[in-house]
Amino acid sequence: MLLCPLSGPVQEGGPLNDEIGDWMAEALLRAIAALVRREGADLSARQIGVFLICYLEDEAQTVRGLAAKLDISSTAICRALNRLSEFDLVRRRTDPLDRRSVLVQRTTIGAGFLRDLKRILADAANEAGSMPVQMRSSVAWAVS
């Protein structure tokens, strides 16, 4: 059983509250459309996932740690980081304490992209229509 913060307990593979699921899918569609239309980095879901972990989690990220968190290979993480590095959204640096480990660093451009991404998500949520009542208390802190 999974705990969905927006709709409560959910059987894995089981149905999400239809109203919430529909609203979330609509907001996601609008956010992806806005990301695709904008100038700049055109990132895959995997690349956005790696980016968000690097920017939203407090601890320093490593290639191995990212692979473990996303349950994908280190090679897949390296490919995602290559793409993120092309746009200067992240930088890699050898860990001075463990030269076998690679640290992922944030950049000023990446911080700007995160700010843009948050604005795109907020706009998409607004365009998706009224937020289902069950979600309002769960996300009130994010919109205040």
C-alpha atoms as a PDB file:
ATOM      1  CA  MET A   1       0.000   0.000   0.000  1.00  0.00           C
ATOM      2  CA  LEU A   2       1.297   3.462  -0.945  1.00  0.00           C
ATOM      3  CA  LEU A   3       0.466   6.684   0.845  1.00  0.00           C
ATOM      4  CA  CYS A   4      -0.424   9.415  -1.610  1.00  0.00           C
ATOM      5  CA  PRO A   5      -0.073  12.779   0.163  1.00  0.00           C
ATOM      6  CA  LEU A   6      -2.888  14.223  -1.912  1.00  0.00           C
ATOM      7  CA  SER A   7      -5.495  11.499  -1.677  1.00  0.00           C
ATOM      8  CA  GLY A   8      -4.509   9.182   1.189  1.00  0.00           C
ATOM      9  CA  PRO A   9      -3.806   5.429   1.051  1.00  0.00           C
ATOM     10  CA  VAL A  10      -3.720   3.904  -2.428  1.00  0.00           C
ATOM     11  CA  GLN A  11      -3.291   0.240  -3.334  1.00  0.00           C
ATOM     12  CA  GLU A  12      -0.280  -0.057  -5.598  1.00  0.00           C
ATOM     13  CA  GLY A  13      -1.733  -0.225  -9.072  1.00  0.00           C
ATOM     14  CA  GLY A  14      -5.106   0.750  -7.598  1.00  0.00           C
ATOM     15  CA  PRO A  15      -7.243   3.701  -8.602  1.00  0.00           C
ATOM     16  CA  LEU A  16      -6.414   7.232  -7.536  1.00  0.00           C
ATOM     17  CA  ASN A  17      -9.363   9.445  -6.713  1.00  0.00           C
ATOM     18  CA  ASP A  18     -10.685  10.192 -10.233  1.00  0.00           C
ATOM     19  CA  GLU A  19     -11.168  13.904  -9.687  1.00  0.00           C
ATOM     20  CA  ILE A  20      -7.654  14.354  -8.314  1.00  0.00           C
ATOM     21  CA  GLY A  21      -6.103  12.095 -10.949  1.00  0.00           C
ATOM     22  CA  ASP A  22      -7.858  13.932 -13.777  1.00  0.00           C
ATOM     23  CA  TRP A  23      -6.834  17.328 -12.423  1.00  0.00           C
ATOM     24  CA  MET A  24      -3.214  16.234 -11.932  1.00  0.00           C
ATOM     25  CA  ALA A  25      -3.051  14.747 -15.441  1.00  0.00           C
ATOM     26  CA  GLU A  26      -4.461  17.963 -16.939  1.00  0.00           C
ATOM     27  CA  ALA A  27      -1.955  20.096 -15.001  1.00  0.00           C
ATOM     28  CA  LEU A  28       0.907  17.789 -16.056  1.00  0.00           C
ATOM     29  CA  LEU A  29      -0.148  17.983 -19.715  1.00  0.00           C
ATOM     30  CA  ARG A  30      -0.250  21.776 -19.574  1.00  0.00           C
ATOM     31  CA  ALA A  31       3.152  21.943 -17.823  1.00  0.00           C
ATOM     32  CA  ILE A  32       4.794  19.604 -20.349  1.00  0.00           C
ATOM     33  CA  ALA A  33       3.298  21.564 -23.253  1.00  0.00           C
ATOM     34  CA  ALA A  34       4.691  24.806 -21.787  1.00  0.00           C
ATOM     35  CA  LEU A  35       8.124  23.212 -21.278  1.00  0.00           C
ATOM     36  CA  VAL A  36       8.204  21.952 -24.861  1.00  0.00           C
ATOM     37  CA  ARG A  37       7.168  25.352 -26.270  1.00  0.00           C
ATOM     38  CA  ARG A  38       9.675  27.424 -24.306  1.00  0.00           C
ATOM     39  CA  GLU A  39      13.095  28.437 -25.536  1.00  0.00           C
ATOM     40  CA  GLY A  40      16.049  26.653 -23.983  1.00  0.00           C
ATOM     41  CA  ALA A  41      16.572  23.181 -22.618  1.00  0.00           C
ATOM     42  CA  ASP A  42      14.216  20.468 -23.873  1.00  0.00           C
ATOM     43  CA  LEU A  43      14.595  17.774 -21.230  1.00  0.00           C
ATOM     44  CA  SER A  44      13.266  14.230 -20.906  1.00  0.00           C
ATOM     45  CA  ALA A  45      11.354  13.016 -17.862  1.00  0.00           C
ATOM     46  CA  ARG A  46      14.507  11.252 -16.627  1.00  0.00           C
ATOM     47  CA  GLN A  47      16.586  14.409 -17.008  1.00  0.00           C
ATOM     48  CA  ILE A  48      13.964  16.486 -15.188  1.00  0.00           C
ATOM     49  CA  GLY A  49      13.855  13.867 -12.421  1.00  0.00           C
ATOM     50  CA  VAL A  50      17.635  14.012 -11.964  1.00  0.00           C
ATOM     51  CA  PHE A  51      17.542  17.809 -12.075  1.00  0.00           C
ATOM     52  CA  LEU A  52      14.794  18.041  -9.444  1.00  0.00           C
ATOM     53  CA  ILE A  53      16.551  15.679  -7.045  1.00  0.00           C
ATOM     54  CA  CYS A  54      19.725  17.755  -7.352  1.00  0.00           C
ATOM     55  CA  TYR A  55      17.906  21.018  -6.691  1.00  0.00           C
ATOM     56  CA  LEU A  56      15.179  20.064  -4.228  1.00  0.00           C
ATOM     57  CA  GLU A  57      17.102  17.810  -1.864  1.00  0.00           C
ATOM     58  CA  ASP A  58      19.487  19.408   0.613  1.00  0.00           C
ATOM     59  CA  GLU A  59      22.290  16.853   0.647  1.00  0.00           C
ATOM     60  CA  ALA A  60      25.018  16.711  -1.986  1.00  0.00           C
ATOM     61  CA  GLN A  61      24.197  14.316  -4.824  1.00  0.00           C
ATOM     62  CA  THR A  62      26.483  11.737  -6.385  1.00  0.00           C
ATOM     63  CA  VAL A  63      26.069   9.683  -9.528  1.00  0.00           C
ATOM     64  CA  ARG A  64      25.737   6.524  -7.431  1.00  0.00           C
ATOM     65  CA  GLY A  65      23.249   8.145  -5.069  1.00  0.00           C
ATOM     66  CA  LEU A  66      21.080   9.439  -7.916  1.00  0.00           C
ATOM     67  CA  ALA A  67      21.101   5.996  -9.542  1.00  0.00           C
ATOM     68  CA  ALA A  68      19.949   4.434  -6.274  1.00  0.00           C
ATOM     69  CA  LYS A  69      17.200   7.030  -5.710  1.00  0.00           C
ATOM     70  CA  LEU A  70      15.773   6.612  -9.198  1.00  0.00           C
ATOM     71  CA  ASP A  71      16.480   2.868  -9.347  1.00  0.00           C
ATOM     72  CA  ILE A  72      18.262   3.168 -12.696  1.00  0.00           C
ATOM     73  CA  SER A  73      21.830   2.491 -13.805  1.00  0.00           C
ATOM     74  CA  SER A  74      24.734   4.853 -13.213  1.00  0.00           C
ATOM     75  CA  THR A  75      25.168   4.909 -16.992  1.00  0.00           C
ATOM     76  CA  ALA A  76      21.641   6.311 -17.386  1.00  0.00           C
ATOM     77  CA  ILE A  77      22.409   8.947 -14.740  1.00  0.00           C
ATOM     78  CA  CYS A  78      25.625   9.894 -16.560  1.00  0.00           C
ATOM     79  CA  ARG A  79      23.714  10.342 -19.822  1.00  0.00           C
ATOM     80  CA  ALA A  80      21.152  12.545 -18.051  1.00  0.00           C
ATOM     81  CA  LEU A  81      23.927  14.570 -16.409  1.00  0.00           C
ATOM     82  CA  ASN A  82      25.659  14.964 -19.785  1.00  0.00           C
ATOM     83  CA  ARG A  83      22.502  16.569 -21.161  1.00  0.00           C
ATOM     84  CA  LEU A  84      21.968  18.745 -18.075  1.00  0.00           C
ATOM     85  CA  SER A  85      25.628  19.838 -18.291  1.00  0.00           C
ATOM     86  CA  GLU A  86      25.173  20.858 -21.952  1.00  0.00           C
ATOM     87  CA  PHE A  87      22.723  23.497 -20.745  1.00  0.00           C
ATOM     88  CA  ASP A  88      24.867  24.382 -17.679  1.00  0.00           C
ATOM     89  CA  LEU A  89      22.055  23.240 -15.364  1.00  0.00           C
ATOM     90  CA  VAL A  90      24.508  21.138 -13.300  1.00  0.00           C
ATOM     91  CA  ARG A  91      28.259  20.598 -13.026  1.00  0.00           C
ATOM     92  CA  ARG A  92      30.155  17.486 -12.061  1.00  0.00           C
ATOM     93  CA  ARG A  93      33.128  17.565  -9.737  1.00  0.00           C
ATOM     94  CA  THR A  94      35.274  14.816  -8.305  1.00  0.00           C
ATOM     95  CA  ASP A  95      34.645  14.426  -4.570  1.00  0.00           C
ATOM     96  CA  PRO A  96      37.862  15.568  -2.847  1.00  0.00           C
ATOM     97  CA  LEU A  97      37.178  13.144   0.031  1.00  0.00           C
ATOM     98  CA  ASP A  98      36.623  10.135  -2.250  1.00  0.00           C
ATOM     99  CA  ARG A  99      38.209  10.562  -5.667  1.00  0.00           C
ATOM    100  CA  ARG A 100      36.156   7.625  -7.012  1.00  0.00           C
ATOM    101  CA  SER A 101      32.934   9.522  -6.398  1.00  0.00           C
ATOM    102  CA  VAL A 102      31.476  12.294  -8.584  1.00  0.00           C
ATOM    103  CA  LEU A 103      29.512  15.123  -6.953  1.00  0.00           C
ATOM    104  CA  VAL A 104      26.779  16.966  -8.831  1.00  0.00           C
ATOM    105  CA  GLN A 105      26.765  20.720  -8.259  1.00  0.00           C
ATOM    106  CA  ARG A 106      24.034  23.281  -8.819  1.00  0.00           C
ATOM    107  CA  THR A 107      24.576  26.283 -11.093  1.00  0.00           C
ATOM    108  CA  THR A 108      23.137  29.773 -11.334  1.00  0.00           C
ATOM    109  CA  ILE A 109      21.524  28.874 -14.653  1.00  0.00           C
ATOM    110  CA  GLY A 110      20.025  25.746 -13.053  1.00  0.00           C
ATOM    111  CA  ALA A 111      18.567  27.829 -10.214  1.00  0.00           C
ATOM    112  CA  GLY A 112      16.961  30.071 -12.833  1.00  0.00           C
ATOM    113  CA  PHE A 113      15.565  27.049 -14.658  1.00  0.00           C
ATOM    114  CA  LEU A 114      14.077  25.770 -11.380  1.00  0.00           C
ATOM    115  CA  ARG A 115      12.427  29.157 -10.828  1.00  0.00           C
ATOM    116  CA  ASP A 116      10.991  29.022 -14.390  1.00  0.00           C
ATOM    117  CA  LEU A 117       9.840  25.433 -13.855  1.00  0.00           C
ATOM    118  CA  LYS A 118       8.008  26.379 -10.652  1.00  0.00           C
ATOM    119  CA  ARG A 119       6.267  29.244 -12.467  1.00  0.00           C
ATOM    120  CA  ILE A 120       5.300  26.924 -15.344  1.00  0.00           C
ATOM    121  CA  LEU A 121       3.872  24.386 -12.888  1.00  0.00           C
ATOM    122  CA  ALA A 122       1.887  27.052 -11.024  1.00  0.00           C
ATOM    123  CA  ASP A 123       0.491  28.427 -14.289  1.00  0.00           C
ATOM    124  CA  ALA A 124      -0.384  24.905 -15.489  1.00  0.00           C
ATOM    125  CA  ALA A 125      -2.170  24.174 -12.218  1.00  0.00           C
ATOM    126  CA  ASN A 126      -4.190  27.389 -12.557  1.00  0.00           C
ATOM    127  CA  GLU A 127      -5.054  26.615 -16.189  1.00  0.00           C
ATOM    128  CA  ALA A 128      -6.146  23.086 -15.258  1.00  0.00           C
ATOM    129  CA  GLY A 129      -9.093  24.585 -13.406  1.00  0.00           C
ATOM    130  CA  SER A 130     -10.251  24.453  -9.832  1.00  0.00           C
ATOM    131  CA  MET A 131      -8.157  22.275  -7.590  1.00  0.00           C
ATOM    132  CA  PRO A 132     -10.165  19.378  -6.141  1.00  0.00           C
ATOM    133  CA  VAL A 133     -11.274  20.110  -2.574  1.00  0.00           C
ATOM    134  CA  GLN A 134      -9.370  17.062  -1.226  1.00  0.00           C
ATOM    135  CA  MET A 135      -6.082  18.585  -2.441  1.00  0.00           C
ATOM    136  CA  ARG A 136      -6.456  22.127  -1.157  1.00  0.00           C
ATOM    137  CA  SER A 137      -5.306  21.554   2.400  1.00  0.00           C
ATOM    138  CA  SER A 138      -2.442  19.313   1.210  1.00  0.00           C
ATOM    139  CA  VAL A 139      -0.956  21.978  -1.029  1.00  0.00           C
ATOM    140  CA  ALA A 140      -2.035  25.191   0.685  1.00  0.00           C
ATOM    141  CA  TRP A 141       1.524  25.767   1.949  1.00  0.00           C
ATOM    142  CA  ALA A 142       2.869  25.716  -1.619  1.00  0.00           C
ATOM    143  CA  VAL A 143       0.633  28.473  -2.939  1.00  0.00           C
ATOM    144  CA  SER A 144       0.704  30.840   0.030  1.00  0.00           C
END
